[in-house]
Amino acid sequence: MRAANQDVCIVVNAENVVMGRVRARDLAPGDETSVENVMEAGPSTFRPDVPLAEMVDYMDKRDMPSALITTNDGVLVGVVYRGEAEESLNGLKASRGPKKEEEDDAT
């Protein structure tokens, strides 16, 4: 079974606090095992104020395809996908044009 066509399902409590995650590979069709028995507790999370470049660097070094964004209390805010974040950063760099040093080198 896959949750919303994803390979990972985030487990939250009634207050939307992240408790863990369940990967599709850990589930068998028709499996009656409780989420608590198959979830990975304590996934890595980031706060909303972490710079995107810092987050992408961390994710890249650990080969993380996505990262959870939570408040200080662990309330789920959202998910950042590394590929989309990299595209956003590349788009920002392209829209800013060359850096001053690159302009000086070109002349």
PDB file of N, CA and C in Angstrom:
ATOM      1  N   MET A   1       0.839  -1.178   0.000  1.00  0.00           N
ATOM      2  CA  MET A   1       0.000   0.000   0.000  1.00  0.00           C
ATOM      3  C   MET A   1       0.883   1.240   0.000  1.00  0.00           C
ATOM      4  N   ARG A   2       0.520   2.239  -0.773  1.00  0.00           N
ATOM      5  CA  ARG A   2       1.258   3.493  -0.806  1.00  0.00           C
ATOM      6  C   ARG A   2       0.319   4.617  -0.408  1.00  0.00           C
ATOM      7  N   ALA A   3       0.802   5.542   0.377  1.00  0.00           N
ATOM      8  CA  ALA A   3       0.002   6.675   0.820  1.00  0.00           C
ATOM      9  C   ALA A   3       0.146   7.819  -0.171  1.00  0.00           C
ATOM     10  N   ALA A   4      -0.940   8.192  -0.802  1.00  0.00           N
ATOM     11  CA  ALA A   4      -0.966   9.317  -1.749  1.00  0.00           C
ATOM     12  C   ALA A   4       0.172   9.237  -2.768  1.00  0.00           C
ATOM     13  N   ASN A   5       0.415   8.051  -3.301  1.00  0.00           N
ATOM     14  CA  ASN A   5       1.450   7.825  -4.306  1.00  0.00           C
ATOM     15  C   ASN A   5       2.849   8.194  -3.826  1.00  0.00           C
ATOM     16  N   GLN A   6       3.076   8.167  -2.544  1.00  0.00           N
ATOM     17  CA  GLN A   6       4.384   8.458  -1.969  1.00  0.00           C
ATOM     18  C   GLN A   6       4.956   7.189  -1.360  1.00  0.00           C
ATOM     19  N   ASP A   7       6.274   7.172  -1.181  1.00  0.00           N
ATOM     20  CA  ASP A   7       6.934   6.027  -0.568  1.00  0.00           C
ATOM     21  C   ASP A   7       7.021   6.162   0.939  1.00  0.00           C
ATOM     22  N   VAL A   8       6.632   7.331   1.471  1.00  0.00           N
ATOM     23  CA  VAL A   8       6.724   7.596   2.902  1.00  0.00           C
ATOM     24  C   VAL A   8       5.428   8.225   3.379  1.00  0.00           C
ATOM     25  N   CYS A   9       5.001   7.816   4.556  1.00  0.00           N
ATOM     26  CA  CYS A   9       3.832   8.410   5.202  1.00  0.00           C
ATOM     27  C   CYS A   9       4.298   8.974   6.542  1.00  0.00           C
ATOM     28  N   ILE A  10       4.025  10.243   6.813  1.00  0.00           N
ATOM     29  CA  ILE A  10       4.419  10.873   8.057  1.00  0.00           C
ATOM     30  C   ILE A  10       3.347  10.593   9.100  1.00  0.00           C
ATOM     31  N   VAL A  11       3.794  10.172  10.279  1.00  0.00           N
ATOM     32  CA  VAL A  11       2.884   9.847  11.374  1.00  0.00           C
ATOM     33  C   VAL A  11       2.871  11.021  12.347  1.00  0.00           C
ATOM     34  N   VAL A  12       1.684  11.560  12.593  1.00  0.00           N
ATOM     35  CA  VAL A  12       1.522  12.666  13.537  1.00  0.00           C
ATOM     36  C   VAL A  12       0.487  12.278  14.588  1.00  0.00           C
ATOM     37  N   ASN A  13       0.543  12.954  15.758  1.00  0.00           N
ATOM     38  CA  ASN A  13      -0.464  12.701  16.782  1.00  0.00           C
ATOM     39  C   ASN A  13      -1.639  13.659  16.589  1.00  0.00           C
ATOM     40  N   ALA A  14      -2.557  13.701  17.544  1.00  0.00           N
ATOM     41  CA  ALA A  14      -3.758  14.532  17.422  1.00  0.00           C
ATOM     42  C   ALA A  14      -3.440  16.016  17.339  1.00  0.00           C
ATOM     43  N   GLU A  15      -2.281  16.424  17.866  1.00  0.00           N
ATOM     44  CA  GLU A  15      -1.871  17.830  17.815  1.00  0.00           C
ATOM     45  C   GLU A  15      -1.013  18.139  16.595  1.00  0.00           C
ATOM     46  N   ASN A  16      -0.889  17.192  15.683  1.00  0.00           N
ATOM     47  CA  ASN A  16      -0.108  17.325  14.450  1.00  0.00           C
ATOM     48  C   ASN A  16       1.402  17.352  14.708  1.00  0.00           C
ATOM     49  N   VAL A  17       1.828  16.807  15.855  1.00  0.00           N
ATOM     50  CA  VAL A  17       3.242  16.703  16.187  1.00  0.00           C
ATOM     51  C   VAL A  17       3.793  15.450  15.513  1.00  0.00           C
ATOM     52  N   VAL A  18       4.929  15.597  14.849  1.00  0.00           N
ATOM     53  CA  VAL A  18       5.540  14.479  14.133  1.00  0.00           C
ATOM     54  C   VAL A  18       6.014  13.420  15.136  1.00  0.00           C
ATOM     55  N   MET A  19       5.551  12.203  14.926  1.00  0.00           N
ATOM     56  CA  MET A  19       5.939  11.077  15.763  1.00  0.00           C
ATOM     57  C   MET A  19       6.942  10.169  15.056  1.00  0.00           C
ATOM     58  N   GLY A  20       6.842  10.115  13.727  1.00  0.00           N
ATOM     59  CA  GLY A  20       7.731   9.254  12.959  1.00  0.00           C
ATOM     60  C   GLY A  20       7.280   9.176  11.517  1.00  0.00           C
ATOM     61  N   ARG A  21       7.801   8.173  10.831  1.00  0.00           N
ATOM     62  CA  ARG A  21       7.411   7.958   9.437  1.00  0.00           C
ATOM     63  C   ARG A  21       7.358   6.465   9.167  1.00  0.00           C
ATOM     64  N   VAL A  22       6.551   6.115   8.194  1.00  0.00           N
ATOM     65  CA  VAL A  22       6.420   4.729   7.744  1.00  0.00           C
ATOM     66  C   VAL A  22       6.778   4.707   6.272  1.00  0.00           C
ATOM     67  N   ARG A  23       7.682   3.834   5.919  1.00  0.00           N
ATOM     68  CA  ARG A  23       8.082   3.688   4.513  1.00  0.00           C
ATOM     69  C   ARG A  23       7.259   2.578   3.870  1.00  0.00           C
ATOM     70  N   ALA A  24       6.935   2.764   2.610  1.00  0.00           N
ATOM     71  CA  ALA A  24       6.130   1.785   1.881  1.00  0.00           C
ATOM     72  C   ALA A  24       6.783   0.407   1.898  1.00  0.00           C
ATOM     73  N   ARG A  25       8.104   0.374   1.830  1.00  0.00           N
ATOM     74  CA  ARG A  25       8.810  -0.914   1.793  1.00  0.00           C
ATOM     75  C   ARG A  25       8.607  -1.728   3.068  1.00  0.00           C
ATOM     76  N   ASP A  26       8.190  -1.052   4.153  1.00  0.00           N
ATOM     77  CA  ASP A  26       7.982  -1.736   5.422  1.00  0.00           C
ATOM     78  C   ASP A  26       6.565  -2.265   5.587  1.00  0.00           C
ATOM     79  N   LEU A  27       5.740  -2.046   4.591  1.00  0.00           N
ATOM     80  CA  LEU A  27       4.350  -2.497   4.654  1.00  0.00           C
ATOM     81  C   LEU A  27       4.102  -3.598   3.634  1.00  0.00           C
ATOM     82  N   ALA A  28       3.341  -4.575   4.043  1.00  0.00           N
ATOM     83  CA  ALA A  28       2.943  -5.646   3.129  1.00  0.00           C
ATOM     84  C   ALA A  28       1.449  -5.501   2.864  1.00  0.00           C
ATOM     85  N   PRO A  29       1.005  -5.828   1.653  1.00  0.00           N
ATOM     86  CA  PRO A  29      -0.427  -5.749   1.361  1.00  0.00           C
ATOM     87  C   PRO A  29      -1.228  -6.569   2.371  1.00  0.00           C
ATOM     88  N   GLY A  30      -2.257  -5.952   2.918  1.00  0.00           N
ATOM     89  CA  GLY A  30      -3.113  -6.639   3.876  1.00  0.00           C
ATOM     90  C   GLY A  30      -2.508  -6.784   5.258  1.00  0.00           C
ATOM     91  N   ASP A  31      -1.356  -6.201   5.474  1.00  0.00           N
ATOM     92  CA  ASP A  31      -0.680  -6.287   6.768  1.00  0.00           C
ATOM     93  C   ASP A  31      -1.519  -5.600   7.840  1.00  0.00           C
ATOM     94  N   GLU A  32      -1.715  -6.261   8.952  1.00  0.00           N
ATOM     95  CA  GLU A  32      -2.521  -5.712  10.050  1.00  0.00           C
ATOM     96  C   GLU A  32      -1.644  -5.159  11.177  1.00  0.00           C
ATOM     97  N   THR A  33      -0.338  -5.048  10.940  1.00  0.00           N
ATOM     98  CA  THR A  33       0.582  -4.533  11.942  1.00  0.00           C
ATOM     99  C   THR A  33       0.259  -3.073  12.232  1.00  0.00           C
ATOM    100  N   SER A  34       0.365  -2.660  13.491  1.00  0.00           N
ATOM    101  CA  SER A  34       0.086  -1.266  13.838  1.00  0.00           C
ATOM    102  C   SER A  34       1.215  -0.366  13.338  1.00  0.00           C
ATOM    103  N   VAL A  35       0.872   0.878  13.111  1.00  0.00           N
ATOM    104  CA  VAL A  35       1.842   1.866  12.651  1.00  0.00           C
ATOM    105  C   VAL A  35       2.996   1.955  13.642  1.00  0.00           C
ATOM    106  N   GLU A  36       2.685   1.913  14.906  1.00  0.00           N
ATOM    107  CA  GLU A  36       3.704   2.016  15.948  1.00  0.00           C
ATOM    108  C   GLU A  36       4.793   0.958  15.792  1.00  0.00           C
ATOM    109  N   ASN A  37       4.433  -0.211  15.295  1.00  0.00           N
ATOM    110  CA  ASN A  37       5.396  -1.303  15.147  1.00  0.00           C
ATOM    111  C   ASN A  37       6.292  -1.173  13.918  1.00  0.00           C
ATOM    112  N   VAL A  38       5.901  -0.389  12.939  1.00  0.00           N
ATOM    113  CA  VAL A  38       6.704  -0.276  11.716  1.00  0.00           C
ATOM    114  C   VAL A  38       7.272   1.119  11.470  1.00  0.00           C
ATOM    115  N   MET A  39       6.842   2.096  12.259  1.00  0.00           N
ATOM    116  CA  MET A  39       7.324   3.456  11.992  1.00  0.00           C
ATOM    117  C   MET A  39       8.739   3.667  12.516  1.00  0.00           C
ATOM    118  N   GLU A  40       9.453   4.541  11.816  1.00  0.00           N
ATOM    119  CA  GLU A  40      10.768   5.000  12.250  1.00  0.00           C
ATOM    120  C   GLU A  40      10.520   6.243  13.098  1.00  0.00           C
ATOM    121  N   ALA A  41      10.877   6.182  14.361  1.00  0.00           N
ATOM    122  CA  ALA A  41      10.653   7.317  15.254  1.00  0.00           C
ATOM    123  C   ALA A  41      11.730   8.381  15.044  1.00  0.00           C
ATOM    124  N   GLY A  42      11.347   9.615  15.299  1.00  0.00           N
ATOM    125  CA  GLY A  42      12.305  10.723  15.303  1.00  0.00           C
ATOM    126  C   GLY A  42      13.006  11.040  14.009  1.00  0.00           C
ATOM    127  N   PRO A  43      12.280  11.241  12.903  1.00  0.00           N
ATOM    128  CA  PRO A  43      12.955  11.603  11.655  1.00  0.00           C
ATOM    129  C   PRO A  43      13.584  12.992  11.759  1.00  0.00           C
ATOM    130  N   SER A  44      14.601  13.247  10.942  1.00  0.00           N
ATOM    131  CA  SER A  44      15.235  14.561  10.905  1.00  0.00           C
ATOM    132  C   SER A  44      14.220  15.611  10.477  1.00  0.00           C
ATOM    133  N   THR A  45      14.278  16.763  11.144  1.00  0.00           N
ATOM    134  CA  THR A  45      13.385  17.865  10.796  1.00  0.00           C
ATOM    135  C   THR A  45      14.169  19.164  10.743  1.00  0.00           C
ATOM    136  N   PHE A  46      13.590  20.161  10.092  1.00  0.00           N
ATOM    137  CA  PHE A  46      14.150  21.503  10.008  1.00  0.00           C
ATOM    138  C   PHE A  46      13.095  22.495  10.461  1.00  0.00           C
ATOM    139  N   ARG A  47      13.529  23.633  10.921  1.00  0.00           N
ATOM    140  CA  ARG A  47      12.628  24.726  11.281  1.00  0.00           C
ATOM    141  C   ARG A  47      12.429  25.607  10.051  1.00  0.00           C
ATOM    142  N   PRO A  48      11.313  26.316   9.998  1.00  0.00           N
ATOM    143  CA  PRO A  48      11.024  27.152   8.827  1.00  0.00           C
ATOM    144  C   PRO A  48      12.045  28.246   8.556  1.00  0.00           C
ATOM    145  N   ASP A  49      12.826  28.652   9.563  1.00  0.00           N
ATOM    146  CA  ASP A  49      13.778  29.746   9.349  1.00  0.00           C
ATOM    147  C   ASP A  49      15.153  29.288   8.871  1.00  0.00           C
ATOM    148  N   VAL A  50      15.349  27.998   8.651  1.00  0.00           N
ATOM    149  CA  VAL A  50      16.632  27.502   8.149  1.00  0.00           C
ATOM    150  C   VAL A  50      16.763  27.904   6.676  1.00  0.00           C
ATOM    151  N   PRO A  51      17.887  28.516   6.318  1.00  0.00           N
ATOM    152  CA  PRO A  51      18.079  28.895   4.909  1.00  0.00           C
ATOM    153  C   PRO A  51      17.997  27.674   3.985  1.00  0.00           C
ATOM    154  N   LEU A  52      17.345  27.853   2.852  1.00  0.00           N
ATOM    155  CA  LEU A  52      17.133  26.749   1.918  1.00  0.00           C
ATOM    156  C   LEU A  52      18.454  26.147   1.456  1.00  0.00           C
ATOM    157  N   ALA A  53      19.455  26.963   1.195  1.00  0.00           N
ATOM    158  CA  ALA A  53      20.753  26.444   0.739  1.00  0.00           C
ATOM    159  C   ALA A  53      21.379  25.531   1.801  1.00  0.00           C
ATOM    160  N   GLU A  54      21.257  25.910   3.060  1.00  0.00           N
ATOM    161  CA  GLU A  54      21.785  25.093   4.154  1.00  0.00           C
ATOM    162  C   GLU A  54      21.043  23.752   4.229  1.00  0.00           C
ATOM    163  N   MET A  55      19.740  23.808   4.066  1.00  0.00           N
ATOM    164  CA  MET A  55      18.920  22.598   4.112  1.00  0.00           C
ATOM    165  C   MET A  55      19.281  21.661   2.953  1.00  0.00           C
ATOM    166  N   VAL A  56      19.414  22.213   1.755  1.00  0.00           N
ATOM    167  CA  VAL A  56      19.746  21.402   0.581  1.00  0.00           C
ATOM    168  C   VAL A  56      21.121  20.768   0.745  1.00  0.00           C
ATOM    169  N   ASP A  57      22.073  21.512   1.277  1.00  0.00           N
ATOM    170  CA  ASP A  57      23.412  20.972   1.503  1.00  0.00           C
ATOM    171  C   ASP A  57      23.357  19.787   2.469  1.00  0.00           C
ATOM    172  N   TYR A  58      22.631  19.928   3.557  1.00  0.00           N
ATOM    173  CA  TYR A  58      22.469  18.853   4.538  1.00  0.00           C
ATOM    174  C   TYR A  58      21.823  17.629   3.890  1.00  0.00           C
ATOM    175  N   MET A  59      20.746  17.866   3.134  1.00  0.00           N
ATOM    176  CA  MET A  59      20.026  16.775   2.486  1.00  0.00           C
ATOM    177  C   MET A  59      20.900  16.078   1.452  1.00  0.00           C
ATOM    178  N   ASP A  60      21.675  16.855   0.704  1.00  0.00           N
ATOM    179  CA  ASP A  60      22.538  16.299  -0.325  1.00  0.00           C
ATOM    180  C   ASP A  60      23.619  15.402   0.287  1.00  0.00           C
ATOM    181  N   LYS A  61      24.249  15.862   1.351  1.00  0.00           N
ATOM    182  CA  LYS A  61      25.314  15.093   2.001  1.00  0.00           C
ATOM    183  C   LYS A  61      24.803  13.776   2.581  1.00  0.00           C
ATOM    184  N   ARG A  62      23.526  13.733   2.940  1.00  0.00           N
ATOM    185  CA  ARG A  62      22.953  12.526   3.541  1.00  0.00           C
ATOM    186  C   ARG A  62      22.036  11.773   2.586  1.00  0.00           C
ATOM    187  N   ASP A  63      22.013  12.204   1.332  1.00  0.00           N
ATOM    188  CA  ASP A  63      21.185  11.587   0.295  1.00  0.00           C
ATOM    189  C   ASP A  63      19.717  11.500   0.720  1.00  0.00           C
ATOM    190  N   MET A  64      19.211  12.589   1.281  1.00  0.00           N
ATOM    191  CA  MET A  64      17.812  12.664   1.709  1.00  0.00           C
ATOM    192  C   MET A  64      16.979  13.245   0.564  1.00  0.00           C
ATOM    193  N   PRO A  65      15.985  12.524   0.075  1.00  0.00           N
ATOM    194  CA  PRO A  65      15.166  13.068  -1.004  1.00  0.00           C
ATOM    195  C   PRO A  65      14.190  14.144  -0.529  1.00  0.00           C
ATOM    196  N   SER A  66      13.886  14.148   0.771  1.00  0.00           N
ATOM    197  CA  SER A  66      12.954  15.134   1.315  1.00  0.00           C
ATOM    198  C   SER A  66      13.259  15.359   2.784  1.00  0.00           C
ATOM    199  N   ALA A  67      12.708  16.452   3.304  1.00  0.00           N
ATOM    200  CA  ALA A  67      12.893  16.776   4.716  1.00  0.00           C
ATOM    201  C   ALA A  67      11.606  17.378   5.262  1.00  0.00           C
ATOM    202  N   LEU A  68      11.348  17.094   6.521  1.00  0.00           N
ATOM    203  CA  LEU A  68      10.169  17.634   7.185  1.00  0.00           C
ATOM    204  C   LEU A  68      10.483  18.996   7.781  1.00  0.00           C
ATOM    205  N   ILE A  69       9.511  19.888   7.721  1.00  0.00           N
ATOM    206  CA  ILE A  69       9.617  21.200   8.342  1.00  0.00           C
ATOM    207  C   ILE A  69       8.634  21.198   9.502  1.00  0.00           C
ATOM    208  N   THR A  70       9.154  21.505  10.712  1.00  0.00           N
ATOM    209  CA  THR A  70       8.312  21.521  11.908  1.00  0.00           C
ATOM    210  C   THR A  70       8.585  22.771  12.729  1.00  0.00           C
ATOM    211  N   THR A  71       7.652  23.089  13.615  1.00  0.00           N
ATOM    212  CA  THR A  71       7.866  24.168  14.574  1.00  0.00           C
ATOM    213  C   THR A  71       8.789  23.652  15.673  1.00  0.00           C
ATOM    214  N   ASN A  72       9.171  24.533  16.595  1.00  0.00           N
ATOM    215  CA  ASN A  72      10.000  24.117  17.727  1.00  0.00           C
ATOM    216  C   ASN A  72       9.331  23.034  18.564  1.00  0.00           C
ATOM    217  N   ASP A  73       8.009  23.009  18.551  1.00  0.00           N
ATOM    218  CA  ASP A  73       7.246  22.008  19.300  1.00  0.00           C
ATOM    219  C   ASP A  73       7.022  20.719  18.522  1.00  0.00           C
ATOM    220  N   GLY A  74       7.559  20.641  17.314  1.00  0.00           N
ATOM    221  CA  GLY A  74       7.429  19.431  16.515  1.00  0.00           C
ATOM    222  C   GLY A  74       6.182  19.339  15.667  1.00  0.00           C
ATOM    223  N   VAL A  75       5.416  20.436  15.586  1.00  0.00           N
ATOM    224  CA  VAL A  75       4.202  20.444  14.768  1.00  0.00           C
ATOM    225  C   VAL A  75       4.598  20.510  13.295  1.00  0.00           C
ATOM    226  N   LEU A  76       4.029  19.608  12.508  1.00  0.00           N
ATOM    227  CA  LEU A  76       4.342  19.529  11.089  1.00  0.00           C
ATOM    228  C   LEU A  76       3.876  20.788  10.355  1.00  0.00           C
ATOM    229  N   VAL A  77       4.800  21.405   9.627  1.00  0.00           N
ATOM    230  CA  VAL A  77       4.493  22.575   8.809  1.00  0.00           C
ATOM    231  C   VAL A  77       4.409  22.161   7.345  1.00  0.00           C
ATOM    232  N   GLY A  78       5.325  21.287   6.923  1.00  0.00           N
ATOM    233  CA  GLY A  78       5.330  20.854   5.533  1.00  0.00           C
ATOM    234  C   GLY A  78       6.511  19.962   5.219  1.00  0.00           C
ATOM    235  N   VAL A  79       6.706  19.729   3.933  1.00  0.00           N
ATOM    236  CA  VAL A  79       7.783  18.879   3.442  1.00  0.00           C
ATOM    237  C   VAL A  79       8.512  19.636   2.336  1.00  0.00           C
ATOM    238  N   VAL A  80       9.834  19.556   2.363  1.00  0.00           N
ATOM    239  CA  VAL A  80      10.654  20.131   1.295  1.00  0.00           C
ATOM    240  C   VAL A  80      11.276  18.967   0.535  1.00  0.00           C
ATOM    241  N   TYR A  81      11.130  18.974  -0.779  1.00  0.00           N
ATOM    242  CA  TYR A  81      11.728  17.952  -1.631  1.00  0.00           C
ATOM    243  C   TYR A  81      13.032  18.503  -2.189  1.00  0.00           C
ATOM    244  N   ARG A  82      14.107  17.739  -2.023  1.00  0.00           N
ATOM    245  CA  ARG A  82      15.430  18.216  -2.406  1.00  0.00           C
ATOM    246  C   ARG A  82      15.490  18.682  -3.857  1.00  0.00           C
ATOM    247  N   GLY A  83      14.946  17.899  -4.774  1.00  0.00           N
ATOM    248  CA  GLY A  83      14.984  18.267  -6.192  1.00  0.00           C
ATOM    249  C   GLY A  83      14.318  19.601  -6.456  1.00  0.00           C
ATOM    250  N   GLU A  84      13.163  19.833  -5.858  1.00  0.00           N
ATOM    251  CA  GLU A  84      12.455  21.096  -6.043  1.00  0.00           C
ATOM    252  C   GLU A  84      13.220  22.246  -5.390  1.00  0.00           C
ATOM    253  N   ALA A  85      13.812  21.971  -4.224  1.00  0.00           N
ATOM    254  CA  ALA A  85      14.593  23.007  -3.539  1.00  0.00           C
ATOM    255  C   ALA A  85      15.817  23.382  -4.360  1.00  0.00           C
ATOM    256  N   GLU A  86      16.489  22.391  -4.940  1.00  0.00           N
ATOM    257  CA  GLU A  86      17.652  22.659  -5.796  1.00  0.00           C
ATOM    258  C   GLU A  86      17.247  23.493  -7.000  1.00  0.00           C
ATOM    259  N   GLU A  87      16.113  23.158  -7.609  1.00  0.00           N
ATOM    260  CA  GLU A  87      15.625  23.936  -8.750  1.00  0.00           C
ATOM    261  C   GLU A  87      15.340  25.375  -8.354  1.00  0.00           C
ATOM    262  N   SER A  88      14.753  25.572  -7.181  1.00  0.00           N
ATOM    263  CA  SER A  88      14.470  26.928  -6.701  1.00  0.00           C
ATOM    264  C   SER A  88      15.759  27.714  -6.500  1.00  0.00           C
ATOM    265  N   LEU A  89      16.740  27.083  -5.878  1.00  0.00           N
ATOM    266  CA  LEU A  89      18.023  27.761  -5.661  1.00  0.00           C
ATOM    267  C   LEU A  89      18.699  28.096  -6.979  1.00  0.00           C
ATOM    268  N   ASN A  90      18.668  27.165  -7.928  1.00  0.00           N
ATOM    269  CA  ASN A  90      19.265  27.417  -9.242  1.00  0.00           C
ATOM    270  C   ASN A  90      18.541  28.549  -9.967  1.00  0.00           C
ATOM    271  N   GLY A  91      17.228  28.587  -9.814  1.00  0.00           N
ATOM    272  CA  GLY A  91      16.443  29.665 -10.424  1.00  0.00           C
ATOM    273  C   GLY A  91      16.774  31.017  -9.820  1.00  0.00           C
ATOM    274  N   LEU A  92      16.982  31.050  -8.498  1.00  0.00           N
ATOM    275  CA  LEU A  92      17.369  32.304  -7.843  1.00  0.00           C
ATOM    276  C   LEU A  92      18.726  32.779  -8.322  1.00  0.00           C
ATOM    277  N   LYS A  93      19.677  31.846  -8.440  1.00  0.00           N
ATOM    278  CA  LYS A  93      21.014  32.207  -8.908  1.00  0.00           C
ATOM    279  C   LYS A  93      20.952  32.753 -10.330  1.00  0.00           C
ATOM    280  N   ALA A  94      20.157  32.113 -11.183  1.00  0.00           N
ATOM    281  CA  ALA A  94      20.050  32.543 -12.580  1.00  0.00           C
ATOM    282  C   ALA A  94      19.394  33.915 -12.686  1.00  0.00           C
ATOM    283  N   SER A  95      18.395  34.180 -11.852  1.00  0.00           N
ATOM    284  CA  SER A  95      17.692  35.458 -11.940  1.00  0.00           C
ATOM    285  C   SER A  95      18.522  36.615 -11.400  1.00  0.00           C
ATOM    286  N   ARG A  96      19.498  36.317 -10.539  1.00  0.00           N
ATOM    287  CA  ARG A  96      20.363  37.365  -9.988  1.00  0.00           C
ATOM    288  C   ARG A  96      21.497  37.729 -10.935  1.00  0.00           C
ATOM    289  N   GLY A  97      21.758  36.877 -11.898  1.00  0.00           N
ATOM    290  CA  GLY A  97      22.849  37.137 -12.830  1.00  0.00           C
ATOM    291  C   GLY A  97      24.180  36.760 -12.213  1.00  0.00           C
ATOM    292  N   PRO A  98      25.271  37.039 -12.946  1.00  0.00           N
ATOM    293  CA  PRO A  98      26.597  36.656 -12.442  1.00  0.00           C
ATOM    294  C   PRO A  98      26.992  37.472 -11.224  1.00  0.00           C
ATOM    295  N   LYS A  99      27.826  36.874 -10.377  1.00  0.00           N
ATOM    296  CA  LYS A  99      28.354  37.571  -9.211  1.00  0.00           C
ATOM    297  C   LYS A  99      29.339  38.635  -9.664  1.00  0.00           C
ATOM    298  N   LYS A 100      29.635  39.561  -8.814  1.00  0.00           N
ATOM    299  CA  LYS A 100      30.554  40.659  -9.118  1.00  0.00           C
ATOM    300  C   LYS A 100      31.901  40.136  -9.629  1.00  0.00           C
ATOM    301  N   GLU A 101      32.462  39.102  -8.953  1.00  0.00           N
ATOM    302  CA  GLU A 101      33.751  38.558  -9.392  1.00  0.00           C
ATOM    303  C   GLU A 101      33.663  38.007 -10.813  1.00  0.00           C
ATOM    304  N   GLU A 102      32.540  37.356 -11.133  1.00  0.00           N
ATOM    305  CA  GLU A 102      32.379  36.784 -12.463  1.00  0.00           C
ATOM    306  C   GLU A 102      32.288  37.888 -13.508  1.00  0.00           C
ATOM    307  N   GLU A 103      31.633  39.019 -13.151  1.00  0.00           N
ATOM    308  CA  GLU A 103      31.541  40.139 -14.069  1.00  0.00           C
ATOM    309  C   GLU A 103      32.920  40.726 -14.324  1.00  0.00           C
ATOM    310  N   ASP A 104      33.729  40.864 -13.245  1.00  0.00           N
ATOM    311  CA  ASP A 104      35.086  41.410 -13.375  1.00  0.00           C
ATOM    312  C   ASP A 104      35.949  40.512 -14.243  1.00  0.00           C
ATOM    313  N   ASP A 105      35.805  39.189 -14.083  1.00  0.00           N
ATOM    314  CA  ASP A 105      36.587  38.236 -14.870  1.00  0.00           C
ATOM    315  C   ASP A 105      36.221  38.303 -16.352  1.00  0.00           C
ATOM    316  N   ALA A 106      34.967  38.632 -16.641  1.00  0.00           N
ATOM    317  CA  ALA A 106      34.471  38.642 -18.020  1.00  0.00           C
ATOM    318  C   ALA A 106      34.988  39.858 -18.782  1.00  0.00           C
ATOM    319  N   THR A 107      35.407  40.904 -18.094  1.00  0.00           N
ATOM    320  CA  THR A 107      35.831  42.117 -18.800  1.00  0.00           C
ATOM    321  C   THR A 107      37.309  42.166 -19.043  1.00  0.00           C
TER     322      THR A 107
END
